[in-house]
Amino acid sequence: MGFISFLKLLTYFSNVLSWPSFSFLYPLFASIRAIETDEEYHYQKCLKYWVVFSIATIFECTFAKILVWLSLWPFVKGITAVMLAVPSFAGASYVYTHYISPHIAMESSLHETSPIPNAKGCLEISNGILCKALLHNRDDEELEKLITYEDATDTICTIRNVLSSPRNIKQGQRETHLKGKKHRTKEEELKRKRLVESKEASIPLTWDIYEKLTNFINPGTNPSRWSVWVKPEFGWIKLNTDGSIDRDNSSFGGVLRDYLANPICAYHSRAPGDDIFLAELWAIWRGLVLCLGLGIEAIWVESDSMSVVKTINKQQPYPIKASSCLEHIWVLLNKFEKQIVSHAWRESNKAADYLSRLDILGSDIVLWPGDFPTELCKIIQEDASGRKYYRR
């Protein structure tokens, strides 16, 4: 008798959890946070919940008469509401990504039915290297020459510090930062393969739920709230990029570092318009052109824009206005022997964030380590030391 009473109490409690006062509390908070922070990650998380919640509500309303006869339905509904709503589980994001998104044919239809416009129509730039690079649809070799050898006195492009030709880079610097084919061994190739596989591997659902449940019960030990900048493997170069939009202008920047976390160079460029998505894409494009000019063969690109990373990895559809820049990025990536494009939390992407907001004259600037501002050097040193950053 006592066990049956306990089950009834548990069922009633589960039914309470499914009430709107609980199931709407977190999405309401998430919506406010997304509006106030204006971050893509929070927007995506909030929208995914509302999509899943809408589908669940439609299902319940459609089969209401049948569900009334199921005694366990309130229990199932309550547990489901907890899994979807509690932030530590991120259940709504998981359900949408693995069970809803694969059945939406928006990406394929968009790519097939939407013609790719010419770059001149989608990118109107009055100055800077991006003007000549994208408006004239040049191939990648011409783009590299344009970036590398453009005269600083050109009336269209104002370049203060021009990237030197790979032939003119000191031999010692190349040996320090870039490892050629003669230094590669089977062990290094296996390391690179494991690195790529680790980036593409997914955590099983059961373990993911168990880990997040433990973190929810004991928030003090939750490692997901901390982020750290990770060094690349030997033979790889890591490119961190970021875009910035404010009232006055828009710009982007990035920094290259080797497997010892030593900086190779950095860049800062102006971007037209006020589209943060395009600014993030241009930041990656500019960095890839710079890497090819330096002769880098294995590149690991990190951006704090989840939507940009997913778009480049062809995991989500993209707007037509970004098609030209994306095509250039995909062509550039194919020129590397090894490449990874992954997401980094904003807190561990501080160096690129600083460069994107750098107040400096010139439309396209390349900085070498000796010219780095003091604040940038401090951030790079903290990243190299393995400092953990708390994610807000």
Protein backbone atom coordinates (compact mmCIF):
# COMPACT_ATOMS: atom_id res chain seq x y z
CA MET A 1 0.00 0.00 0.00
CA GLY A 2 2.83 2.36 0.88
CA PHE A 3 4.57 1.70 -2.43
CA ILE A 4 1.42 2.47 -4.40
CA SER A 5 0.99 5.72 -2.46
CA PHE A 6 4.58 6.61 -3.23
CA LEU A 7 3.99 6.02 -6.94
CA LYS A 8 0.90 8.20 -6.86
CA LEU A 9 2.82 10.96 -5.10
CA LEU A 10 5.67 10.66 -7.60
CA THR A 11 3.22 10.82 -10.48
CA TYR A 12 1.54 13.89 -9.02
CA PHE A 13 4.91 15.59 -8.49
CA SER A 14 5.94 14.79 -12.08
CA ASN A 15 2.66 16.28 -13.29
CA VAL A 16 3.45 19.45 -11.34
CA LEU A 17 6.80 19.71 -13.13
CA SER A 18 4.98 19.77 -16.46
CA TRP A 19 2.84 22.77 -15.47
CA PRO A 20 3.44 25.96 -17.49
CA SER A 21 4.74 27.70 -14.34
CA PHE A 22 7.78 25.42 -14.51
CA SER A 23 8.09 24.53 -18.20
CA PHE A 24 7.90 28.22 -19.18
CA LEU A 25 10.24 29.50 -16.46
CA TYR A 26 13.55 28.53 -18.05
CA PRO A 27 12.63 29.44 -21.66
CA LEU A 28 11.45 32.80 -20.36
CA PHE A 29 14.80 33.33 -18.66
CA ALA A 30 16.66 32.07 -21.76
CA SER A 31 14.72 34.48 -23.99
CA ILE A 32 15.56 37.45 -21.77
CA ARG A 33 19.22 36.43 -21.65
CA ALA A 34 19.37 36.05 -25.43
CA ILE A 35 17.90 39.54 -25.91
CA GLU A 36 20.18 41.19 -23.37
CA THR A 37 23.44 39.47 -24.35
CA ASP A 38 22.71 39.47 -28.10
CA GLU A 39 24.79 36.31 -28.56
CA GLU A 40 24.19 33.75 -31.31
CA TYR A 41 24.63 30.83 -28.92
CA HIS A 42 21.82 31.96 -26.61
CA TYR A 43 19.53 32.70 -29.56
CA GLN A 44 20.06 29.21 -30.95
CA LYS A 45 19.51 27.53 -27.59
CA CYS A 46 16.30 29.46 -26.93
CA LEU A 47 14.86 28.88 -30.40
CA LYS A 48 15.58 25.16 -30.26
CA TYR A 49 13.61 24.87 -27.04
CA TRP A 50 10.61 26.68 -28.50
CA VAL A 51 10.64 24.44 -31.58
CA VAL A 52 10.72 21.25 -29.51
CA PHE A 53 8.13 22.60 -27.07
CA SER A 54 5.79 23.53 -29.94
CA ILE A 55 6.04 20.05 -31.45
CA ALA A 56 5.39 18.45 -28.05
CA THR A 57 2.35 20.70 -27.48
CA ILE A 58 0.91 19.87 -30.91
CA PHE A 59 1.40 16.17 -30.20
CA GLU A 60 -0.33 16.43 -26.81
CA CYS A 61 -3.29 18.39 -28.17
CA THR A 62 -3.75 16.01 -31.10
CA PHE A 63 -3.73 12.83 -29.01
CA ALA A 64 -5.25 14.28 -25.83
CA LYS A 65 -8.12 11.78 -25.69
CA ILE A 66 -5.75 8.83 -25.99
CA LEU A 67 -3.18 10.16 -23.52
CA VAL A 68 -5.85 10.55 -20.82
CA TRP A 69 -6.09 6.75 -20.60
CA LEU A 70 -2.34 6.37 -20.04
CA SER A 71 -1.72 6.46 -16.29
CA LEU A 72 2.01 7.05 -16.74
CA TRP A 73 1.58 10.00 -19.10
CA PRO A 74 1.83 12.69 -16.36
CA PHE A 75 5.05 11.05 -15.13
CA VAL A 76 6.54 10.89 -18.63
CA LYS A 77 5.44 14.44 -19.36
CA GLY A 78 7.00 15.78 -16.16
CA ILE A 79 10.34 14.04 -16.68
CA THR A 80 10.40 15.19 -20.31
CA ALA A 81 9.74 18.79 -19.25
CA VAL A 82 12.68 18.60 -16.83
CA MET A 83 15.00 17.13 -19.47
CA LEU A 84 14.06 19.83 -21.96
CA ALA A 85 13.97 22.82 -19.64
CA VAL A 86 16.80 22.41 -17.14
CA PRO A 87 19.87 24.21 -18.57
CA SER A 88 22.35 21.58 -17.35
CA PHE A 89 20.77 18.92 -19.60
CA ALA A 90 20.43 20.99 -22.78
CA GLY A 91 17.87 18.37 -23.74
CA ALA A 92 16.02 20.59 -26.18
CA SER A 93 19.22 21.30 -28.11
CA TYR A 94 20.06 17.61 -28.26
CA VAL A 95 16.58 16.58 -29.41
CA TYR A 96 16.49 19.26 -32.09
CA THR A 97 20.01 18.53 -33.38
CA HIS A 98 19.66 14.73 -33.53
CA TYR A 99 15.97 14.10 -34.21
CA ILE A 100 14.46 17.18 -35.87
CA SER A 101 17.22 18.89 -37.83
CA PRO A 102 18.19 15.77 -39.90
CA HIS A 103 14.61 15.57 -41.24
CA ILE A 104 14.49 19.18 -42.39
CA ALA A 105 15.49 19.50 -46.04
CA MET A 106 15.99 23.25 -45.84
CA GLU A 107 19.74 23.09 -46.47
CA SER A 108 19.63 21.01 -49.63
CA SER A 109 16.73 22.94 -51.13
CA LEU A 110 18.37 26.25 -50.36
CA HIS A 111 21.64 25.24 -51.98
CA GLU A 112 19.98 23.73 -55.02
CA THR A 113 17.35 26.36 -55.76
CA SER A 114 19.26 29.49 -54.78
CA PRO A 115 21.69 30.58 -57.47
CA ILE A 116 25.01 31.88 -56.18
CA PRO A 117 25.20 35.55 -57.05
CA ASN A 118 28.37 37.11 -58.27
CA ALA A 119 30.56 38.59 -55.58
CA LYS A 120 30.12 42.09 -56.93
CA GLY A 121 26.41 41.97 -56.27
CA CYS A 122 26.68 40.81 -52.66
CA LEU A 123 29.78 42.62 -51.44
CA GLU A 124 30.01 46.33 -51.98
CA ILE A 125 33.25 47.53 -50.46
CA SER A 126 34.71 50.95 -50.99
CA ASN A 127 38.21 50.18 -49.76
CA GLY A 128 40.44 47.47 -48.36
CA ILE A 129 41.82 44.26 -49.81
CA LEU A 130 38.42 42.60 -49.64
CA CYS A 131 37.31 44.89 -52.45
CA LYS A 132 39.73 43.56 -55.03
CA ALA A 133 39.65 40.04 -53.65
CA LEU A 134 35.92 39.40 -53.86
CA LEU A 135 34.50 41.97 -56.26
CA HIS A 136 36.62 40.75 -59.15
CA ASN A 137 36.20 36.99 -58.49
CA ARG A 138 39.91 36.32 -58.62
CA ASP A 139 41.27 32.83 -58.15
CA ASP A 140 43.20 31.93 -55.01
CA GLU A 141 46.69 32.40 -56.46
CA GLU A 142 45.77 35.92 -57.51
CA LEU A 143 44.27 36.57 -54.08
CA GLU A 144 47.50 35.54 -52.39
CA LYS A 145 49.51 37.79 -54.69
CA LEU A 146 47.10 40.63 -54.03
CA ILE A 147 47.49 40.27 -50.29
CA THR A 148 51.22 39.69 -50.49
CA TYR A 149 52.48 42.21 -52.99
CA GLU A 150 49.87 44.99 -53.11
CA ASP A 151 51.44 48.44 -53.12
CA ALA A 152 50.67 50.37 -49.94
CA THR A 153 50.13 53.54 -51.99
CA ASP A 154 47.24 52.07 -54.00
CA THR A 155 44.30 54.46 -54.06
CA ILE A 156 41.79 51.69 -53.46
CA CYS A 157 43.58 49.61 -50.83
CA THR A 158 45.23 51.24 -47.82
CA ILE A 159 47.61 48.68 -46.36
CA ARG A 160 49.93 49.76 -43.60
CA ASN A 161 51.85 46.56 -43.02
CA VAL A 162 51.96 44.21 -46.00
CA LEU A 163 52.56 40.51 -45.68
CA SER A 164 55.96 39.59 -47.01
CA SER A 165 56.53 37.01 -49.70
CA PRO A 166 57.21 33.49 -48.41
CA ARG A 167 60.55 33.61 -50.22
CA ASN A 168 61.60 36.63 -48.15
CA ILE A 169 60.77 35.17 -44.74
CA LYS A 170 63.88 34.40 -42.76
CA GLN A 171 64.91 30.78 -42.91
CA GLY A 172 65.24 30.60 -39.13
CA GLN A 173 61.69 31.83 -38.62
CA ARG A 174 60.30 29.26 -41.02
CA GLU A 175 62.22 26.47 -39.27
CA THR A 176 60.93 27.62 -35.91
CA HIS A 177 57.25 27.86 -36.77
CA LEU A 178 56.65 25.68 -39.83
CA LYS A 179 57.64 22.05 -40.04
CA GLY A 180 58.22 20.71 -43.55
CA LYS A 181 57.56 17.30 -44.98
CA LYS A 182 61.02 16.00 -44.12
CA HIS A 183 60.24 16.36 -40.40
CA ARG A 184 57.04 14.32 -40.53
CA THR A 185 57.02 10.78 -39.16
CA LYS A 186 54.40 8.11 -38.93
CA GLU A 187 53.92 8.96 -35.27
CA GLU A 188 53.08 12.57 -36.11
CA GLU A 189 50.62 11.47 -38.79
CA LEU A 190 48.89 9.23 -36.27
CA LYS A 191 48.68 12.14 -33.83
CA ARG A 192 47.05 14.33 -36.47
CA LYS A 193 44.61 11.59 -37.38
CA ARG A 194 43.66 11.14 -33.75
CA LEU A 195 43.20 14.89 -33.37
CA VAL A 196 40.81 15.04 -36.32
CA GLU A 197 38.92 12.01 -35.10
CA SER A 198 38.61 13.46 -31.61
CA LYS A 199 37.10 16.65 -33.02
CA GLU A 200 34.56 14.71 -35.05
CA ALA A 201 33.65 12.19 -32.34
CA SER A 202 30.34 12.59 -30.53
CA ILE A 203 29.57 11.71 -26.91
CA PRO A 204 26.92 8.98 -26.43
CA LEU A 205 23.60 10.20 -25.11
CA THR A 206 23.57 8.04 -21.97
CA TRP A 207 26.97 9.23 -20.79
CA ASP A 208 26.16 12.81 -21.71
CA ILE A 209 22.99 12.72 -19.59
CA TYR A 210 24.81 11.09 -16.69
CA GLU A 211 27.59 13.67 -16.74
CA LYS A 212 25.19 16.60 -16.92
CA LEU A 213 23.02 15.14 -14.16
CA THR A 214 26.09 14.92 -11.92
CA ASN A 215 27.02 18.51 -12.72
CA PHE A 216 23.46 19.67 -12.04
CA ILE A 217 23.40 18.00 -8.61
CA ASN A 218 26.85 19.37 -7.74
CA PRO A 219 27.35 22.62 -9.70
CA GLY A 220 30.69 23.29 -8.01
CA THR A 221 32.32 20.50 -9.98
CA ASN A 222 30.80 21.39 -13.32
CA PRO A 223 33.73 21.52 -15.80
CA SER A 224 31.52 22.75 -18.63
CA ARG A 225 31.44 26.22 -17.09
CA TRP A 226 35.17 26.58 -17.70
CA SER A 227 36.95 26.91 -21.00
CA VAL A 228 40.62 26.88 -21.92
CA TRP A 229 42.60 27.63 -25.06
CA VAL A 230 43.98 24.33 -26.38
CA LYS A 231 47.36 24.11 -28.09
CA PRO A 232 47.47 22.41 -31.50
CA GLU A 233 49.40 19.19 -32.05
CA PHE A 234 52.96 19.21 -33.35
CA GLY A 235 53.02 20.19 -37.02
CA TRP A 236 49.73 22.08 -36.81
CA ILE A 237 49.10 25.82 -36.74
CA LYS A 238 46.08 27.22 -34.92
CA LEU A 239 44.13 30.19 -36.26
CA ASN A 240 41.76 31.98 -33.89
CA THR A 241 39.41 34.51 -35.51
CA ASP A 242 36.65 36.89 -34.45
CA GLY A 243 34.46 39.66 -35.85
CA SER A 244 33.25 42.81 -34.14
CA ILE A 245 30.37 45.20 -34.84
CA ASP A 246 29.79 48.50 -33.06
CA ARG A 247 28.12 51.84 -33.77
CA ASP A 248 31.12 53.34 -35.53
CA ASN A 249 32.49 50.50 -37.65
CA SER A 250 32.83 46.77 -38.14
CA SER A 251 36.08 44.86 -38.23
CA PHE A 252 37.64 41.45 -37.71
CA GLY A 253 40.93 39.98 -36.61
CA GLY A 254 42.85 36.80 -35.96
CA VAL A 255 46.08 35.35 -34.62
CA LEU A 256 48.25 32.39 -35.64
CA ARG A 257 50.03 30.23 -33.05
CA ASP A 258 52.12 27.06 -33.25
CA TYR A 259 52.08 23.89 -31.15
CA LEU A 260 54.08 25.62 -28.39
CA ALA A 261 51.52 28.44 -28.27
CA ASN A 262 54.11 30.83 -29.70
CA PRO A 263 52.53 33.55 -31.86
CA ILE A 264 53.49 33.67 -35.53
CA CYS A 265 51.57 36.76 -36.62
CA ALA A 266 48.22 38.50 -36.25
CA TYR A 267 45.97 40.67 -38.41
CA HIS A 268 43.24 43.28 -38.17
CA SER A 269 41.00 44.40 -41.05
CA ARG A 270 38.00 46.62 -41.58
CA ALA A 271 34.73 45.10 -42.76
CA PRO A 272 31.85 46.83 -44.53
CA GLY A 273 28.28 46.89 -43.32
CA ASP A 274 26.92 45.73 -39.99
CA ASP A 275 26.51 41.97 -40.53
CA ILE A 276 28.37 40.06 -37.81
CA PHE A 277 27.96 36.76 -39.66
CA LEU A 278 29.83 38.09 -42.70
CA ALA A 279 32.45 39.73 -40.49
CA GLU A 280 33.15 36.35 -38.86
CA LEU A 281 33.43 34.71 -42.28
CA TRP A 282 35.82 37.36 -43.59
CA ALA A 283 37.97 36.89 -40.50
CA ILE A 284 38.42 33.22 -41.38
CA TRP A 285 38.94 33.95 -45.09
CA ARG A 286 41.63 36.53 -44.35
CA GLY A 287 43.42 34.17 -41.99
CA LEU A 288 43.41 31.31 -44.51
CA VAL A 289 44.92 33.52 -47.21
CA LEU A 290 47.59 34.56 -44.73
CA CYS A 291 48.31 30.93 -43.83
CA LEU A 292 48.73 29.89 -47.46
CA GLY A 293 51.12 32.76 -48.01
CA LEU A 294 53.23 31.45 -45.11
CA GLY A 295 53.29 27.92 -46.50
CA ILE A 296 51.28 26.36 -43.67
CA GLU A 297 50.05 22.87 -44.48
CA ALA A 298 47.99 21.80 -41.43
CA ILE A 299 45.59 24.42 -40.09
CA TRP A 300 43.18 24.36 -37.16
CA VAL A 301 40.63 27.20 -37.37
CA GLU A 302 38.70 28.25 -34.27
CA SER A 303 35.85 30.75 -34.15
CA ASP A 304 33.50 31.68 -31.31
CA SER A 305 30.59 31.85 -33.76
CA MET A 306 28.82 28.49 -33.67
CA SER A 307 26.70 29.35 -36.70
CA VAL A 308 29.78 30.19 -38.79
CA VAL A 309 31.53 26.96 -37.79
CA LYS A 310 28.46 24.87 -38.63
CA THR A 311 28.02 26.69 -41.93
CA ILE A 312 31.62 26.11 -43.02
CA ASN A 313 31.32 22.44 -42.01
CA LYS A 314 28.11 22.29 -44.10
CA GLN A 315 25.94 21.42 -41.12
CA GLN A 316 23.39 24.19 -41.61
CA PRO A 317 22.06 26.41 -44.43
CA TYR A 318 23.49 29.85 -45.10
CA PRO A 319 22.15 33.14 -46.47
CA ILE A 320 22.69 33.94 -50.13
CA LYS A 321 24.73 37.04 -49.30
CA ALA A 322 27.38 34.82 -47.69
CA SER A 323 27.67 32.35 -50.57
CA SER A 324 30.58 34.02 -52.35
CA CYS A 325 32.73 34.32 -49.24
CA LEU A 326 31.93 30.74 -48.25
CA GLU A 327 32.92 29.43 -51.67
CA HIS A 328 36.30 31.15 -51.31
CA ILE A 329 36.76 29.69 -47.82
CA TRP A 330 36.00 26.14 -49.00
CA VAL A 331 38.44 26.48 -51.89
CA LEU A 332 41.15 27.78 -49.55
CA LEU A 333 40.59 24.99 -47.02
CA ASN A 334 41.06 22.37 -49.73
CA LYS A 335 44.55 23.73 -50.38
CA PHE A 336 45.73 22.53 -46.95
CA GLU A 337 46.83 18.95 -46.39
CA LYS A 338 45.03 18.88 -43.04
CA GLN A 339 42.31 21.22 -41.81
CA ILE A 340 39.90 21.48 -38.88
CA VAL A 341 37.23 24.13 -38.29
CA SER A 342 35.83 24.05 -34.76
CA HIS A 343 34.00 26.21 -32.23
CA ALA A 344 35.68 27.95 -29.30
CA TRP A 345 33.98 29.68 -26.42
CA ARG A 346 34.28 33.44 -26.44
CA GLU A 347 36.21 33.44 -23.15
CA SER A 348 38.99 31.26 -24.60
CA ASN A 349 39.04 33.29 -27.82
CA LYS A 350 40.18 36.50 -26.13
CA ALA A 351 43.19 37.13 -28.37
CA ALA A 352 41.10 37.18 -31.55
CA ASP A 353 38.40 39.21 -29.81
CA TYR A 354 41.01 41.80 -28.82
CA LEU A 355 42.36 41.99 -32.37
CA SER A 356 38.89 42.41 -33.87
CA ARG A 357 38.29 45.45 -31.64
CA LEU A 358 41.77 46.92 -32.09
CA ASP A 359 41.73 50.66 -32.68
CA ILE A 360 44.43 51.13 -35.31
CA LEU A 361 44.83 53.04 -38.55
CA GLY A 362 44.65 51.17 -41.84
CA SER A 363 42.13 48.92 -43.52
CA ASP A 364 44.28 45.77 -43.38
CA ILE A 365 47.11 45.34 -40.89
CA VAL A 366 49.47 42.39 -40.39
CA LEU A 367 51.30 42.41 -37.06
CA TRP A 368 54.39 40.40 -36.20
CA PRO A 369 55.11 39.38 -32.57
CA GLY A 370 57.54 42.24 -32.03
CA ASP A 371 54.76 44.73 -32.82
CA PHE A 372 52.08 43.17 -30.59
CA PRO A 373 50.40 45.49 -28.06
CA THR A 374 51.13 44.75 -24.41
CA GLU A 375 47.57 43.62 -23.72
CA LEU A 376 47.66 41.12 -26.59
CA CYS A 377 50.96 39.69 -25.34
CA LYS A 378 49.42 39.23 -21.91
CA ILE A 379 46.43 37.35 -23.33
CA ILE A 380 48.68 35.07 -25.40
CA GLN A 381 50.82 34.30 -22.34
CA GLU A 382 47.73 33.42 -20.30
CA ASP A 383 46.49 31.12 -23.05
CA ALA A 384 49.89 29.43 -23.28
CA SER A 385 49.95 28.83 -19.52
CA GLY A 386 46.65 26.96 -19.74
CA ARG A 387 44.58 29.48 -17.83
CA LYS A 388 40.95 28.48 -17.33
CA TYR A 389 38.30 31.06 -18.18
CA TYR A 390 34.90 31.00 -16.54
CA ARG A 391 32.03 31.02 -19.01
CA ARG A 392 29.27 33.42 -18.07
